[in-house]
Protein backbone atom coordinates (compact mmCIF):
# COMPACT_ATOMS: atom_id res chain seq x y z
CA MET A 1 77.26 -120.15 29.03
CA ALA A 2 74.42 -120.78 31.45
CA LEU A 3 76.89 -120.71 34.35
CA SER A 4 78.28 -117.38 33.16
CA ARG A 5 74.80 -115.86 33.04
CA ARG A 6 74.07 -117.15 36.49
CA ARG A 7 77.20 -115.50 37.83
CA ILE A 8 76.30 -112.22 36.15
CA PHE A 9 72.81 -112.27 37.67
CA THR A 10 74.29 -113.17 41.05
CA VAL A 11 76.74 -110.28 40.90
CA LEU A 12 73.98 -107.89 39.82
CA GLY A 13 71.76 -109.10 42.63
CA VAL A 14 74.52 -108.61 45.20
CA LEU A 15 75.24 -105.12 43.84
CA CYS A 16 71.52 -104.21 44.05
CA VAL A 17 71.38 -105.39 47.66
CA ILE A 18 74.50 -103.39 48.53
CA ALA A 19 73.13 -100.28 46.79
CA ALA A 20 69.79 -100.59 48.61
CA GLY A 21 71.62 -101.07 51.92
CA MET A 22 73.78 -98.00 51.36
CA ALA A 23 70.72 -95.94 50.37
CA ALA A 24 68.87 -97.07 53.50
CA VAL A 25 71.82 -96.24 55.76
CA SER A 26 72.22 -92.81 54.15
CA LEU A 27 68.52 -92.01 54.46
CA ARG A 28 68.35 -93.22 58.07
CA ILE A 29 71.39 -91.14 59.04
CA ARG A 30 69.78 -88.09 57.43
CA GLN A 31 66.54 -88.79 59.30
CA HIS A 32 68.42 -89.04 62.60
CA ILE A 33 70.22 -85.75 62.00
CA ILE A 34 66.97 -83.95 61.19
CA ARG A 35 65.27 -85.44 64.24
CA VAL A 36 68.09 -84.36 66.57
CA HIS A 37 68.17 -80.83 65.15
CA ALA A 38 64.37 -80.54 65.25
CA GLN A 39 64.28 -81.70 68.87
CA ARG A 40 66.92 -79.13 69.85
CA THR A 41 65.00 -76.35 68.08
CA LEU A 42 61.72 -77.43 69.66
CA ASP A 43 63.36 -77.39 73.09
CA ASP A 44 64.61 -73.86 72.44
CA ILE A 45 61.18 -72.69 71.27
CA GLN A 46 59.61 -74.28 74.34
CA HIS A 47 61.57 -71.89 76.57
CA LEU A 48 60.95 -68.74 74.51
CA LYS A 49 59.01 -66.16 76.49
CA ILE A 50 56.32 -64.08 74.82
CA GLY A 51 57.05 -60.40 75.32
CA SER A 52 60.72 -60.73 76.30
CA SER A 53 62.66 -63.18 74.08
CA ARG A 54 64.60 -61.42 71.31
CA THR A 55 63.80 -62.24 67.68
CA CYS A 56 67.19 -61.22 66.27
CA GLN A 57 69.03 -63.75 68.42
CA ILE A 58 66.59 -66.52 67.45
CA PHE A 59 66.84 -65.59 63.77
CA SER A 60 70.63 -65.83 63.87
CA GLU A 61 70.48 -69.24 65.57
CA TRP A 62 67.92 -70.56 63.08
CA GLN A 63 69.93 -69.43 60.07
CA HIS A 64 73.01 -71.14 61.47
CA GLU A 65 71.11 -74.35 62.31
CA TRP A 66 68.73 -74.69 59.35
CA GLY A 67 70.21 -72.62 56.52
CA SER A 68 68.02 -72.76 53.41
CA HIS A 69 65.10 -74.26 55.36
CA VAL A 70 64.50 -70.83 56.96
CA SER A 71 62.31 -68.22 55.29
CA TYR A 72 61.38 -64.83 56.67
CA GLU A 73 59.70 -61.51 55.97
CA GLY A 74 60.85 -58.15 57.26
CA THR A 75 63.78 -57.40 59.54
CA CYS A 76 64.25 -59.04 62.92
CA ASP A 77 63.69 -55.72 64.76
CA ASP A 78 60.84 -54.53 62.51
CA PRO A 79 58.57 -52.12 64.43
CA ASN A 80 55.49 -53.53 62.69
CA ARG A 81 55.79 -57.30 62.18
CA PHE A 82 58.52 -59.81 61.46
CA TYR A 83 58.18 -63.54 61.06
CA MET A 84 60.56 -66.41 60.39
CA ASP A 85 59.70 -69.97 59.43
CA ILE A 86 61.40 -73.34 59.44
CA ASN A 87 60.01 -75.94 57.04
CA VAL A 88 61.89 -79.22 56.65
CA GLN A 89 60.75 -82.63 55.46
CA HIS A 90 62.33 -86.07 55.23
CA PRO A 91 62.28 -87.69 52.77
CA ALA A 92 62.65 -84.41 50.91
CA TYR A 93 60.00 -85.45 48.38
CA ILE A 94 57.05 -87.68 49.28
CA TRP A 95 55.32 -89.17 46.26
CA PRO A 96 51.78 -87.74 46.10
CA THR A 97 50.71 -90.93 44.31
CA CYS A 98 51.57 -92.93 47.43
CA PHE A 99 48.75 -91.27 49.33
CA GLU A 100 46.04 -91.16 46.68
CA GLY A 101 43.32 -93.69 46.09
CA GLN A 102 44.16 -95.90 43.10
CA SER A 103 41.63 -96.94 40.46
CA GLY A 104 42.16 -100.66 40.11
CA ARG A 105 43.51 -103.37 42.36
CA VAL A 106 46.60 -104.12 40.27
CA ARG A 107 47.64 -100.46 40.15
CA PHE A 108 46.99 -100.10 43.87
CA ILE A 109 49.18 -103.13 44.70
CA LEU A 110 52.00 -101.92 42.44
CA VAL A 111 51.96 -98.34 43.75
CA ARG A 112 51.72 -99.31 47.41
CA GLY A 113 54.41 -101.93 46.94
CA MET A 114 56.85 -99.42 45.48
CA CYS A 115 55.95 -96.86 48.13
CA GLY A 116 56.37 -99.48 50.83
CA VAL A 117 59.93 -100.19 49.65
CA TYR A 118 60.67 -96.45 49.56
CA GLU A 119 59.28 -95.95 53.07
CA ALA A 120 61.19 -99.00 54.37
CA LEU A 121 64.45 -97.54 53.08
CA SER A 122 63.91 -93.96 54.21
CA GLY A 123 62.35 -94.57 57.64
CA LYS A 124 59.50 -92.58 59.13
CA THR A 125 58.37 -89.50 57.27
CA ILE A 126 59.05 -86.31 59.24
CA VAL A 127 57.62 -82.87 58.51
CA PHE A 128 58.79 -80.20 60.96
CA MET A 129 57.56 -76.62 60.86
CA ALA A 130 58.08 -73.72 63.21
CA ARG A 131 57.27 -70.02 63.19
CA VAL A 132 58.23 -67.13 65.43
CA VAL A 133 56.57 -63.72 65.03
CA GLY A 134 58.02 -60.56 66.51
CA VAL A 135 57.27 -56.87 66.86
CA LYS A 136 60.02 -54.37 67.69
CA GLY A 137 62.49 -57.20 68.15
CA VAL A 138 60.41 -59.04 70.77
CA VAL A 139 58.62 -62.38 70.30
CA THR A 140 54.82 -62.05 70.19
CA GLN A 141 53.94 -65.51 68.89
CA LYS A 142 55.55 -68.93 68.60
CA PHE A 143 54.27 -71.96 66.74
CA SER A 144 55.59 -75.47 66.13
CA GLN A 145 54.13 -78.43 64.24
CA VAL A 146 55.31 -81.98 63.59
CA PHE A 147 53.80 -84.51 61.17
CA THR A 148 54.65 -88.15 60.74
CA VAL A 149 53.03 -90.97 58.79
CA MET A 150 51.59 -94.20 60.13
CA ARG A 151 49.62 -97.10 58.73
CA ASP A 152 45.84 -96.82 59.16
CA ASP A 153 44.56 -100.12 60.56
CA LEU A 154 40.89 -99.57 59.73
CA PRO A 155 39.92 -102.13 57.06
CA ASP A 156 38.22 -99.50 54.88
CA GLU A 157 41.25 -97.19 54.91
CA HIS A 158 43.71 -97.83 52.08
CA MET A 159 45.93 -94.79 52.59
CA PRO A 160 48.44 -94.00 55.32
CA ALA A 161 47.28 -91.89 58.25
CA THR A 162 49.08 -88.88 59.71
CA VAL A 163 49.90 -88.01 63.30
CA ALA A 164 49.98 -84.22 63.70
CA ALA A 165 51.13 -82.35 66.80
CA SER A 166 51.11 -78.58 67.10
CA ALA A 167 51.55 -75.94 69.78
CA MET A 168 51.05 -72.19 69.64
CA THR A 169 51.50 -69.38 72.13
CA SER A 170 50.39 -65.91 71.20
CA ALA A 171 49.80 -62.50 72.71
CA ARG A 172 46.46 -62.57 70.86
CA PRO A 173 43.73 -65.23 70.99
CA GLY A 174 43.72 -67.73 68.11
CA ARG A 175 40.78 -68.20 65.75
CA SER A 176 40.28 -71.79 66.87
CA TRP A 177 39.35 -70.55 70.32
CA ASP A 178 35.86 -70.03 68.90
CA ARG A 179 35.35 -73.79 68.65
CA GLN A 180 32.75 -75.41 70.84
CA ALA A 181 35.45 -77.54 72.42
CA ALA A 182 37.32 -74.37 73.38
CA THR A 183 34.20 -72.97 75.03
CA GLN A 184 33.83 -76.15 77.07
CA GLN A 185 37.38 -75.72 78.37
CA GLN A 186 36.82 -72.11 79.39
CA ASN A 187 35.95 -72.93 82.99
CA LEU A 188 38.75 -75.47 83.31
CA HIS A 189 41.64 -73.23 82.24
CA PRO A 190 40.83 -69.93 80.51
CA GLY A 191 44.45 -69.29 79.55
CA TYR A 192 44.97 -72.26 77.22
CA ARG A 193 43.22 -74.94 75.18
CA VAL A 194 44.11 -78.54 74.32
CA PHE A 195 42.45 -80.37 71.42
CA VAL A 196 42.75 -84.06 70.52
CA GLY A 197 40.80 -85.68 67.71
CA THR A 198 40.65 -87.16 64.22
CA THR A 199 40.01 -85.41 60.92
CA ARG A 200 40.97 -85.60 57.25
CA ILE A 201 43.15 -83.35 55.20
CA ASN A 202 43.56 -82.77 51.52
CA ALA A 203 47.08 -81.42 51.24
CA ASP A 204 49.56 -82.01 48.45
CA TYR A 205 51.57 -84.53 50.45
CA MET A 206 48.67 -86.46 52.00
CA PRO A 207 45.43 -86.20 49.99
CA GLY A 208 42.44 -87.68 51.77
CA GLY A 209 44.20 -89.57 54.56
CA ARG A 210 43.02 -89.54 58.16
CA VAL A 211 44.83 -87.32 60.66
CA PHE A 212 45.17 -88.03 64.36
CA TYR A 213 45.95 -84.64 65.86
CA ILE A 214 46.83 -82.99 69.13
CA SER A 215 46.99 -79.22 69.48
CA ALA A 216 47.83 -76.97 72.41
CA GLU A 217 47.18 -73.23 72.26
CA VAL A 218 48.13 -70.71 74.94
CA GLY A 219 46.50 -67.29 74.69
CA PRO A 220 47.11 -63.90 76.27
CA GLU A 221 45.55 -64.99 79.57
CA GLY A 222 47.95 -67.93 79.82
CA THR A 223 51.33 -67.76 81.50
CA ASN A 224 54.82 -68.57 80.32
CA VAL A 225 54.66 -71.53 82.71
CA ASP A 226 51.59 -72.84 80.84
CA SER A 227 53.32 -72.25 77.51
CA GLU A 228 56.55 -73.97 78.51
CA ARG A 229 54.72 -77.00 79.91
CA LEU A 230 52.38 -77.55 76.96
CA PHE A 231 55.03 -76.77 74.35
CA ARG A 232 57.05 -79.87 75.23
CA PHE A 233 57.60 -82.11 72.18
CA ASP A 234 59.25 -85.52 72.27
CA LEU A 235 60.50 -86.83 68.93
CA SER A 236 62.16 -89.99 70.28
CA CYS A 237 59.33 -92.13 68.85
CA LEU A 238 60.56 -91.24 65.36
CA GLY A 239 63.61 -93.40 65.93
CA ARG A 240 61.79 -96.63 66.78
CA TRP A 241 59.88 -99.21 64.71
CA ARG A 242 56.48 -98.72 66.39
CA PRO A 243 54.44 -95.77 65.00
CA CYS A 244 54.21 -92.53 66.94
CA SER A 245 51.01 -91.47 68.68
CA GLU A 246 49.65 -88.12 69.83
CA ARG A 247 50.77 -88.90 73.39
CA ASP A 248 54.28 -89.76 72.22
CA LEU A 249 54.78 -86.47 70.39
CA MET A 250 53.26 -84.15 73.04
CA PRO A 251 53.13 -86.03 76.36
CA ALA A 252 52.34 -83.07 78.64
CA ALA A 253 49.56 -81.77 76.39
CA TYR A 254 48.04 -85.25 76.13
CA ASP A 255 48.13 -85.67 79.91
CA GLN A 256 46.34 -82.34 80.20
CA TYR A 257 43.72 -83.49 77.69
CA GLU A 258 43.04 -86.68 79.66
CA MET A 259 42.77 -84.66 82.87
CA ASP A 260 40.26 -82.33 81.22
CA VAL A 261 38.19 -85.30 80.01
CA ARG A 262 38.04 -86.75 83.52
CA ARG A 263 37.09 -83.41 85.04
CA SER A 264 34.39 -82.72 82.46
CA GLN A 265 32.89 -86.18 82.95
CA SER A 266 32.89 -86.10 86.75
CA PRO A 267 29.51 -85.22 88.32
CA SER A 268 29.12 -81.69 89.60
CA PRO A 269 28.99 -81.36 93.40
């Protein structure tokens, strides 16, 4: 009898391992597909030209590539304003409880343990968003943003951190150009701004966690050359074990940021 029970538990254990392995493979394949598609879309957006690229062609391509992940308002050749968005996330649902502070050590250990298993199976969290705005069938603004999750190594931080990378090019200046940091960059390159820093967010999918961000914004005084250079995303880090960094996700923008820091710190002649 005891031997029979042992065999049953052994079989159940083997089946659980097989099921977990199949789930992990399925989730990793899905993550890879999303990453490849997102990289291709980001590359296409990188080469869009403000004032000449056609919104109807882009809209058709996005619908074919992303299907239900695309939302829009208006018609692609609307004489007033048309916008289309991509919003895709993997895993499709991130437990809000995983990123909230827990009241009690036992509850914290249990929740983080379960979330750790979930994250280990599904791979890195990816949130990819993009927006293109057009007037009279011509692109007037483009925006892309990528989020991924990483462990926060500070001893006082008990929630995962986020790495956020975003780029925007617009025929009109953005609101964030009023920041003090933007004013300091005015003499360096009046056509665009690059921001790197740390903050906190309180969104549904990441309440209270720290965010390491990089942001590049090209305004009306910038050129398509500036836009194409700073709009370069690299999602290859999402396929490796080591966490992504701001430099990994937007290498050209981060190089520009480091150059700006050196120039601002060098003594005036």
